[in-house]
């Protein structure tokens, strides 16, 4: 198995830790975060994650536009949307 295919948890000193309630993906992310050693690395990781989710959102907007589920009229209506959640 190539090293890149090995989950980081396998390389971690925390691999025997009892981590109930977390998915394998969440554990993998926690392991990656353990390698962050500076504020700059943390900023870069935050930017990478933000970019990833922005790309997902843009892909979904593009899909909705191409299928006609999102139109210019609907898009413009978002500019005036003032939905509020009642906190009763």
PDB file of N, CA and C in Angstrom:
ATOM      1  N   UNK A   1       0.864  -1.177   0.000  1.00  0.00           N
ATOM      2  CA  UNK A   1       0.000   0.000   0.000  1.00  0.00           C
ATOM      3  C   UNK A   1       0.904   1.232   0.000  1.00  0.00           C
ATOM      4  N   UNK A   2       0.720   2.134  -0.978  1.00  0.00           N
ATOM      5  CA  UNK A   2       1.514   3.363  -1.009  1.00  0.00           C
ATOM      6  C   UNK A   2       1.259   4.192   0.245  1.00  0.00           C
ATOM      7  N   UNK A   3       2.269   4.932   0.674  1.00  0.00           N
ATOM      8  CA  UNK A   3       2.161   5.726   1.893  1.00  0.00           C
ATOM      9  C   UNK A   3       0.983   6.692   1.842  1.00  0.00           C
ATOM     10  N   UNK A   4       0.698   7.266   0.668  1.00  0.00           N
ATOM     11  CA  UNK A   4      -0.410   8.222   0.569  1.00  0.00           C
ATOM     12  C   UNK A   4      -1.761   7.569   0.798  1.00  0.00           C
ATOM     13  N   UNK A   5      -1.840   6.258   0.619  1.00  0.00           N
ATOM     14  CA  UNK A   5      -3.092   5.547   0.827  1.00  0.00           C
ATOM     15  C   UNK A   5      -3.277   5.094   2.276  1.00  0.00           C
ATOM     16  N   UNK A   6      -2.251   5.288   3.087  1.00  0.00           N
ATOM     17  CA  UNK A   6      -2.317   4.881   4.484  1.00  0.00           C
ATOM     18  C   UNK A   6      -3.001   5.995   5.270  1.00  0.00           C
ATOM     19  N   UNK A   7      -4.110   5.706   5.956  1.00  0.00           N
ATOM     20  CA  UNK A   7      -4.738   6.747   6.769  1.00  0.00           C
ATOM     21  C   UNK A   7      -3.753   7.284   7.793  1.00  0.00           C
ATOM     22  N   UNK A   8      -3.783   8.600   8.003  1.00  0.00           N
ATOM     23  CA  UNK A   8      -2.846   9.209   8.945  1.00  0.00           C
ATOM     24  C   UNK A   8      -2.967   8.626  10.336  1.00  0.00           C
ATOM     25  N   UNK A   9      -4.159   8.160  10.704  1.00  0.00           N
ATOM     26  CA  UNK A   9      -4.353   7.590  12.032  1.00  0.00           C
ATOM     27  C   UNK A   9      -3.407   6.414  12.262  1.00  0.00           C
ATOM     28  N   UNK A  10      -3.051   5.711  11.170  1.00  0.00           N
ATOM     29  CA  UNK A  10      -2.140   4.574  11.285  1.00  0.00           C
ATOM     30  C   UNK A  10      -0.724   5.029  11.641  1.00  0.00           C
ATOM     31  N   UNK A  11      -0.372   6.264  11.301  1.00  0.00           N
ATOM     32  CA  UNK A  11       0.960   6.786  11.560  1.00  0.00           C
ATOM     33  C   UNK A  11       1.039   7.547  12.882  1.00  0.00           C
ATOM     34  N   UNK A  12      -0.075   7.758  13.505  1.00  0.00           N
ATOM     35  CA  UNK A  12      -0.169   8.612  14.677  1.00  0.00           C
ATOM     36  C   UNK A  12       0.126   7.870  15.974  1.00  0.00           C
ATOM     37  N   UNK A  13       0.720   8.582  16.927  1.00  0.00           N
ATOM     38  CA  UNK A  13       0.877   7.977  18.256  1.00  0.00           C
ATOM     39  C   UNK A  13      -0.464   7.847  18.969  1.00  0.00           C
ATOM     40  N   UNK A  14      -1.523   8.495  18.421  1.00  0.00           N
ATOM     41  CA  UNK A  14      -2.851   8.453  19.023  1.00  0.00           C
ATOM     42  C   UNK A  14      -3.732   7.374  18.413  1.00  0.00           C
ATOM     43  N   UNK A  15      -3.154   6.493  17.603  1.00  0.00           N
ATOM     44  CA  UNK A  15      -3.963   5.534  16.853  1.00  0.00           C
ATOM     45  C   UNK A  15      -4.731   4.563  17.745  1.00  0.00           C
ATOM     46  N   UNK A  16      -4.289   4.367  18.981  1.00  0.00           N
ATOM     47  CA  UNK A  16      -4.998   3.454  19.874  1.00  0.00           C
ATOM     48  C   UNK A  16      -5.966   4.185  20.791  1.00  0.00           C
ATOM     49  N   UNK A  17      -6.117   5.484  20.579  1.00  0.00           N
ATOM     50  CA  UNK A  17      -6.984   6.295  21.406  1.00  0.00           C
ATOM     51  C   UNK A  17      -8.443   5.912  21.174  1.00  0.00           C
ATOM     52  N   UNK A  18      -9.235   5.942  22.221  1.00  0.00           N
ATOM     53  CA  UNK A  18     -10.659   5.637  22.118  1.00  0.00           C
ATOM     54  C   UNK A  18     -11.384   6.887  21.626  1.00  0.00           C
ATOM     55  N   UNK A  19     -11.837   6.875  20.368  1.00  0.00           N
ATOM     56  CA  UNK A  19     -12.467   8.048  19.762  1.00  0.00           C
ATOM     57  C   UNK A  19     -13.881   7.670  19.347  1.00  0.00           C
ATOM     58  N   UNK A  20     -14.762   7.517  20.310  1.00  0.00           N
ATOM     59  CA  UNK A  20     -16.154   7.161  20.018  1.00  0.00           C
ATOM     60  C   UNK A  20     -16.901   8.343  19.436  1.00  0.00           C
ATOM     61  N   UNK A  21     -17.809   8.063  18.528  1.00  0.00           N
ATOM     62  CA  UNK A  21     -18.677   9.089  17.994  1.00  0.00           C
ATOM     63  C   UNK A  21     -18.112   9.871  16.822  1.00  0.00           C
ATOM     64  N   UNK A  22     -16.864   9.664  16.459  1.00  0.00           N
ATOM     65  CA  UNK A  22     -16.285  10.357  15.317  1.00  0.00           C
ATOM     66  C   UNK A  22     -16.247   9.430  14.111  1.00  0.00           C
ATOM     67  N   UNK A  23     -16.488  10.005  12.952  1.00  0.00           N
ATOM     68  CA  UNK A  23     -16.407   9.219  11.726  1.00  0.00           C
ATOM     69  C   UNK A  23     -14.941   9.061  11.333  1.00  0.00           C
ATOM     70  N   UNK A  24     -14.632   8.097  10.486  1.00  0.00           N
ATOM     71  CA  UNK A  24     -13.249   7.962  10.009  1.00  0.00           C
ATOM     72  C   UNK A  24     -12.733   9.248   9.355  1.00  0.00           C
ATOM     73  N   UNK A  25     -13.601   9.958   8.642  1.00  0.00           N
ATOM     74  CA  UNK A  25     -13.184  11.212   8.005  1.00  0.00           C
ATOM     75  C   UNK A  25     -12.823  12.259   9.059  1.00  0.00           C
ATOM     76  N   UNK A  26     -13.615  12.358  10.118  1.00  0.00           N
ATOM     77  CA  UNK A  26     -13.326  13.322  11.181  1.00  0.00           C
ATOM     78  C   UNK A  26     -12.011  12.993  11.881  1.00  0.00           C
ATOM     79  N   UNK A  27     -11.776  11.732  12.107  1.00  0.00           N
ATOM     80  CA  UNK A  27     -10.523  11.308  12.731  1.00  0.00           C
ATOM     81  C   UNK A  27      -9.346  11.668  11.831  1.00  0.00           C
ATOM     82  N   UNK A  28      -9.496  11.432  10.545  1.00  0.00           N
ATOM     83  CA  UNK A  28      -8.439  11.748   9.577  1.00  0.00           C
ATOM     84  C   UNK A  28      -8.117  13.247   9.593  1.00  0.00           C
ATOM     85  N   UNK A  29      -9.160  14.080   9.639  1.00  0.00           N
ATOM     86  CA  UNK A  29      -8.961  15.531   9.687  1.00  0.00           C
ATOM     87  C   UNK A  29      -8.240  15.920  10.979  1.00  0.00           C
ATOM     88  N   UNK A  30      -8.638  15.359  12.093  1.00  0.00           N
ATOM     89  CA  UNK A  30      -7.959  15.659  13.349  1.00  0.00           C
ATOM     90  C   UNK A  30      -6.476  15.283  13.282  1.00  0.00           C
ATOM     91  N   UNK A  31      -6.205  14.169  12.663  1.00  0.00           N
ATOM     92  CA  UNK A  31      -4.811  13.754  12.522  1.00  0.00           C
ATOM     93  C   UNK A  31      -4.024  14.741  11.658  1.00  0.00           C
ATOM     94  N   UNK A  32      -4.616  15.209  10.583  1.00  0.00           N
ATOM     95  CA  UNK A  32      -3.932  16.182   9.730  1.00  0.00           C
ATOM     96  C   UNK A  32      -3.662  17.468  10.502  1.00  0.00           C
ATOM     97  N   UNK A  33      -4.635  17.904  11.280  1.00  0.00           N
ATOM     98  CA  UNK A  33      -4.493  19.129  12.048  1.00  0.00           C
ATOM     99  C   UNK A  33      -3.338  19.014  13.048  1.00  0.00           C
ATOM    100  N   UNK A  34      -3.068  17.831  13.522  1.00  0.00           N
ATOM    101  CA  UNK A  34      -1.992  17.664  14.503  1.00  0.00           C
ATOM    102  C   UNK A  34      -0.621  18.011  13.923  1.00  0.00           C
ATOM    103  N   UNK A  35      -0.506  18.105  12.595  1.00  0.00           N
ATOM    104  CA  UNK A  35       0.768  18.453  11.967  1.00  0.00           C
ATOM    105  C   UNK A  35       0.946  19.966  11.822  1.00  0.00           C
ATOM    106  N   UNK A  36      -0.066  20.749  12.155  1.00  0.00           N
ATOM    107  CA  UNK A  36       0.027  22.203  12.038  1.00  0.00           C
ATOM    108  C   UNK A  36       0.894  22.737  13.170  1.00  0.00           C
ATOM    109  N   UNK A  37       1.952  23.438  12.795  1.00  0.00           N
ATOM    110  CA  UNK A  37       2.918  23.915  13.788  1.00  0.00           C
ATOM    111  C   UNK A  37       3.034  25.428  13.860  1.00  0.00           C
ATOM    112  N   UNK A  38       2.293  26.155  13.024  1.00  0.00           N
ATOM    113  CA  UNK A  38       2.408  27.613  13.051  1.00  0.00           C
ATOM    114  C   UNK A  38       1.080  28.258  12.675  1.00  0.00           C
ATOM    115  N   UNK A  39       0.978  29.544  13.010  1.00  0.00           N
ATOM    116  CA  UNK A  39      -0.215  30.292  12.637  1.00  0.00           C
ATOM    117  C   UNK A  39      -0.361  30.350  11.124  1.00  0.00           C
ATOM    118  N   UNK A  40       0.753  30.464  10.422  1.00  0.00           N
ATOM    119  CA  UNK A  40       0.723  30.526   8.956  1.00  0.00           C
ATOM    120  C   UNK A  40       0.161  29.227   8.373  1.00  0.00           C
ATOM    121  N   UNK A  41       0.578  28.097   8.906  1.00  0.00           N
ATOM    122  CA  UNK A  41       0.049  26.813   8.428  1.00  0.00           C
ATOM    123  C   UNK A  41      -1.450  26.729   8.685  1.00  0.00           C
ATOM    124  N   UNK A  42      -1.898  27.235   9.836  1.00  0.00           N
ATOM    125  CA  UNK A  42      -3.326  27.221  10.152  1.00  0.00           C
ATOM    126  C   UNK A  42      -4.096  28.115   9.187  1.00  0.00           C
ATOM    127  N   UNK A  43      -3.580  29.301   8.888  1.00  0.00           N
ATOM    128  CA  UNK A  43      -4.233  30.193   7.924  1.00  0.00           C
ATOM    129  C   UNK A  43      -4.335  29.528   6.555  1.00  0.00           C
ATOM    130  N   UNK A  44      -3.259  28.860   6.131  1.00  0.00           N
ATOM    131  CA  UNK A  44      -3.268  28.179   4.837  1.00  0.00           C
ATOM    132  C   UNK A  44      -4.298  27.057   4.810  1.00  0.00           C
ATOM    133  N   UNK A  45      -4.406  26.313   5.901  1.00  0.00           N
ATOM    134  CA  UNK A  45      -5.396  25.235   5.968  1.00  0.00           C
ATOM    135  C   UNK A  45      -6.809  25.806   5.919  1.00  0.00           C
ATOM    136  N   UNK A  46      -7.052  26.878   6.674  1.00  0.00           N
ATOM    137  CA  UNK A  46      -8.372  27.509   6.653  1.00  0.00           C
ATOM    138  C   UNK A  46      -8.718  27.991   5.246  1.00  0.00           C
ATOM    139  N   UNK A  47      -7.729  28.571   4.554  1.00  0.00           N
ATOM    140  CA  UNK A  47      -7.970  29.055   3.192  1.00  0.00           C
ATOM    141  C   UNK A  47      -8.269  27.887   2.251  1.00  0.00           C
ATOM    142  N   UNK A  48      -7.541  26.792   2.407  1.00  0.00           N
ATOM    143  CA  UNK A  48      -7.772  25.616   1.557  1.00  0.00           C
ATOM    144  C   UNK A  48      -9.168  25.045   1.784  1.00  0.00           C
ATOM    145  N   UNK A  49      -9.588  24.982   3.040  1.00  0.00           N
ATOM    146  CA  UNK A  49     -10.919  24.460   3.351  1.00  0.00           C
ATOM    147  C   UNK A  49     -11.992  25.400   2.821  1.00  0.00           C
ATOM    148  N   UNK A  50     -11.801  26.704   3.012  1.00  0.00           N
ATOM    149  CA  UNK A  50     -12.771  27.684   2.506  1.00  0.00           C
ATOM    150  C   UNK A  50     -12.869  27.599   0.982  1.00  0.00           C
ATOM    151  N   UNK A  51     -11.737  27.470   0.310  1.00  0.00           N
ATOM    152  CA  UNK A  51     -11.736  27.362  -1.151  1.00  0.00           C
ATOM    153  C   UNK A  51     -12.460  26.101  -1.604  1.00  0.00           C
ATOM    154  N   UNK A  52     -12.235  25.000  -0.911  1.00  0.00           N
ATOM    155  CA  UNK A  52     -12.892  23.738  -1.245  1.00  0.00           C
ATOM    156  C   UNK A  52     -14.413  23.881  -1.182  1.00  0.00           C
ATOM    157  N   UNK A  53     -14.919  24.450  -0.079  1.00  0.00           N
ATOM    158  CA  UNK A  53     -16.363  24.585   0.066  1.00  0.00           C
ATOM    159  C   UNK A  53     -16.928  25.635  -0.883  1.00  0.00           C
ATOM    160  N   UNK A  54     -16.153  26.661  -1.195  1.00  0.00           N
ATOM    161  CA  UNK A  54     -16.601  27.654  -2.189  1.00  0.00           C
ATOM    162  C   UNK A  54     -16.745  26.993  -3.558  1.00  0.00           C
ATOM    163  N   UNK A  55     -15.810  26.117  -3.900  1.00  0.00           N
ATOM    164  CA  UNK A  55     -15.898  25.390  -5.176  1.00  0.00           C
ATOM    165  C   UNK A  55     -17.125  24.489  -5.208  1.00  0.00           C
ATOM    166  N   UNK A  56     -17.414  23.811  -4.100  1.00  0.00           N
ATOM    167  CA  UNK A  56     -18.615  22.969  -4.037  1.00  0.00           C
ATOM    168  C   UNK A  56     -19.873  23.806  -4.213  1.00  0.00           C
ATOM    169  N   UNK A  57     -19.928  24.947  -3.538  1.00  0.00           N
ATOM    170  CA  UNK A  57     -21.097  25.818  -3.644  1.00  0.00           C
ATOM    171  C   UNK A  57     -21.247  26.330  -5.072  1.00  0.00           C
ATOM    172  N   UNK A  58     -20.138  26.738  -5.696  1.00  0.00           N
ATOM    173  CA  UNK A  58     -20.203  27.249  -7.064  1.00  0.00           C
ATOM    174  C   UNK A  58     -20.655  26.156  -8.028  1.00  0.00           C
ATOM    175  N   UNK A  59     -20.179  24.946  -7.826  1.00  0.00           N
ATOM    176  CA  UNK A  59     -20.590  23.829  -8.685  1.00  0.00           C
ATOM    177  C   UNK A  59     -22.094  23.573  -8.552  1.00  0.00           C
ATOM    178  N   UNK A  60     -22.624  23.691  -7.344  1.00  0.00           N
ATOM    179  CA  UNK A  60     -24.060  23.480  -7.143  1.00  0.00           C
ATOM    180  C   UNK A  60     -24.867  24.609  -7.777  1.00  0.00           C
ATOM    181  N   UNK A  61     -24.416  25.852  -7.636  1.00  0.00           N
ATOM    182  CA  UNK A  61     -25.102  26.977  -8.279  1.00  0.00           C
ATOM    183  C   UNK A  61     -25.088  26.788  -9.790  1.00  0.00           C
ATOM    184  N   UNK A  62     -23.946  26.384 -10.340  1.00  0.00           N
ATOM    185  CA  UNK A  62     -23.853  26.137 -11.780  1.00  0.00           C
ATOM    186  C   UNK A  62     -24.826  25.051 -12.219  1.00  0.00           C
ATOM    187  N   UNK A  63     -24.917  23.983 -11.418  1.00  0.00           N
ATOM    188  CA  UNK A  63     -25.832  22.886 -11.746  1.00  0.00           C
ATOM    189  C   UNK A  63     -27.280  23.367 -11.739  1.00  0.00           C
ATOM    190  N   UNK A  64     -27.625  24.131 -10.696  1.00  0.00           N
ATOM    191  CA  UNK A  64     -28.993  24.653 -10.604  1.00  0.00           C
ATOM    192  C   UNK A  64     -29.309  25.583 -11.776  1.00  0.00           C
ATOM    193  N   UNK A  65     -28.343  26.379 -12.183  1.00  0.00           N
ATOM    194  CA  UNK A  65     -28.535  27.301 -13.309  1.00  0.00           C
ATOM    195  C   UNK A  65     -28.739  26.519 -14.602  1.00  0.00           C
ATOM    196  N   UNK A  66     -27.898  25.508 -14.813  1.00  0.00           N
ATOM    197  CA  UNK A  66     -27.970  24.724 -16.048  1.00  0.00           C
ATOM    198  C   UNK A  66     -29.267  23.924 -16.157  1.00  0.00           C
ATOM    199  N   UNK A  67     -29.806  23.502 -15.019  1.00  0.00           N
ATOM    200  CA  UNK A  67     -31.047  22.721 -15.047  1.00  0.00           C
ATOM    201  C   UNK A  67     -32.285  23.614 -15.037  1.00  0.00           C
ATOM    202  N   UNK A  68     -32.084  24.918 -14.887  1.00  0.00           N
ATOM    203  CA  UNK A  68     -33.211  25.840 -14.864  1.00  0.00           C
ATOM    204  C   UNK A  68     -33.866  25.992 -13.508  1.00  0.00           C
ATOM    205  N   UNK A  69     -33.350  25.302 -12.501  1.00  0.00           N
ATOM    206  CA  UNK A  69     -33.902  25.439 -11.151  1.00  0.00           C
ATOM    207  C   UNK A  69     -33.578  26.811 -10.563  1.00  0.00           C
ATOM    208  N   UNK A  70     -32.515  27.424 -11.040  1.00  0.00           N
ATOM    209  CA  UNK A  70     -32.132  28.764 -10.625  1.00  0.00           C
ATOM    210  C   UNK A  70     -32.167  29.659 -11.854  1.00  0.00           C
ATOM    211  N   UNK A  71     -32.919  30.732 -11.748  1.00  0.00           N
ATOM    212  CA  UNK A  71     -33.053  31.679 -12.859  1.00  0.00           C
ATOM    213  C   UNK A  71     -32.569  33.050 -12.406  1.00  0.00           C
ATOM    214  N   UNK A  72     -32.440  33.947 -13.358  1.00  0.00           N
ATOM    215  CA  UNK A  72     -32.032  35.309 -13.023  1.00  0.00           C
ATOM    216  C   UNK A  72     -33.046  35.955 -12.073  1.00  0.00           C
ATOM    217  N   UNK A  73     -34.316  35.694 -12.321  1.00  0.00           N
ATOM    218  CA  UNK A  73     -35.370  36.247 -11.460  1.00  0.00           C
ATOM    219  C   UNK A  73     -35.234  35.733 -10.028  1.00  0.00           C
ATOM    220  N   UNK A  74     -35.028  34.431  -9.887  1.00  0.00           N
ATOM    221  CA  UNK A  74     -34.877  33.846  -8.548  1.00  0.00           C
ATOM    222  C   UNK A  74     -33.606  34.371  -7.884  1.00  0.00           C
ATOM    223  N   UNK A  75     -32.531  34.480  -8.663  1.00  0.00           N
ATOM    224  CA  UNK A  75     -31.261  34.982  -8.140  1.00  0.00           C
ATOM    225  C   UNK A  75     -31.441  36.402  -7.595  1.00  0.00           C
ATOM    226  N   UNK A  76     -32.136  37.243  -8.358  1.00  0.00           N
ATOM    227  CA  UNK A  76     -32.377  38.623  -7.939  1.00  0.00           C
ATOM    228  C   UNK A  76     -33.252  38.674  -6.682  1.00  0.00           C
ATOM    229  N   UNK A  77     -34.168  37.722  -6.560  1.00  0.00           N
ATOM    230  CA  UNK A  77     -35.046  37.710  -5.383  1.00  0.00           C
ATOM    231  C   UNK A  77     -34.251  37.487  -4.098  1.00  0.00           C
ATOM    232  N   UNK A  78     -33.104  36.831  -4.176  1.00  0.00           N
ATOM    233  CA  UNK A  78     -32.267  36.607  -2.999  1.00  0.00           C
ATOM    234  C   UNK A  78     -31.738  37.925  -2.429  1.00  0.00           C
ATOM    235  N   UNK A  79     -31.592  38.930  -3.285  1.00  0.00           N
ATOM    236  CA  UNK A  79     -31.080  40.223  -2.836  1.00  0.00           C
ATOM    237  C   UNK A  79     -32.038  40.892  -1.857  1.00  0.00           C
ATOM    238  N   UNK A  80     -33.305  40.521  -1.928  1.00  0.00           N
ATOM    239  CA  UNK A  80     -34.322  41.150  -1.093  1.00  0.00           C
ATOM    240  C   UNK A  80     -34.886  40.187  -0.060  1.00  0.00           C
ATOM    241  N   UNK A  81     -34.238  39.066   0.115  1.00  0.00           N
ATOM    242  CA  UNK A  81     -34.706  38.044   1.036  1.00  0.00           C
ATOM    243  C   UNK A  81     -34.393  38.467   2.467  1.00  0.00           C
ATOM    244  N   UNK A  82     -35.405  38.471   3.308  1.00  0.00           N
ATOM    245  CA  UNK A  82     -35.222  38.849   4.702  1.00  0.00           C
ATOM    246  C   UNK A  82     -35.912  37.839   5.615  1.00  0.00           C
ATOM    247  N   UNK A  83     -35.687  36.579   5.362  1.00  0.00           N
ATOM    248  CA  UNK A  83     -36.277  35.541   6.210  1.00  0.00           C
ATOM    249  C   UNK A  83     -35.607  35.586   7.581  1.00  0.00           C
ATOM    250  N   UNK A  84     -36.400  35.474   8.579  1.00  0.00           N
ATOM    251  CA  UNK A  84     -35.894  35.461   9.944  1.00  0.00           C
ATOM    252  C   UNK A  84     -36.436  34.215  10.650  1.00  0.00           C
ATOM    253  N   UNK A  85     -35.633  33.701  11.502  1.00  0.00           N
ATOM    254  CA  UNK A  85     -36.055  32.549  12.299  1.00  0.00           C
ATOM    255  C   UNK A  85     -36.672  33.089  13.588  1.00  0.00           C
ATOM    256  N   UNK A  86     -37.934  32.740  13.855  1.00  0.00           N
ATOM    257  CA  UNK A  86     -38.531  33.230  15.105  1.00  0.00           C
ATOM    258  C   UNK A  86     -37.915  32.512  16.307  1.00  0.00           C
ATOM    259  N   UNK A  87     -37.511  33.270  17.276  1.00  0.00           N
ATOM    260  CA  UNK A  87     -36.919  32.712  18.496  1.00  0.00           C
ATOM    261  C   UNK A  87     -37.907  32.871  19.638  1.00  0.00           C
ATOM    262  N   UNK A  88     -38.931  32.017  19.637  1.00  0.00           N
ATOM    263  CA  UNK A  88     -39.967  32.090  20.674  1.00  0.00           C
ATOM    264  C   UNK A  88     -39.708  31.099  21.763  1.00  0.00           C
TER     265      UNK A  88
END
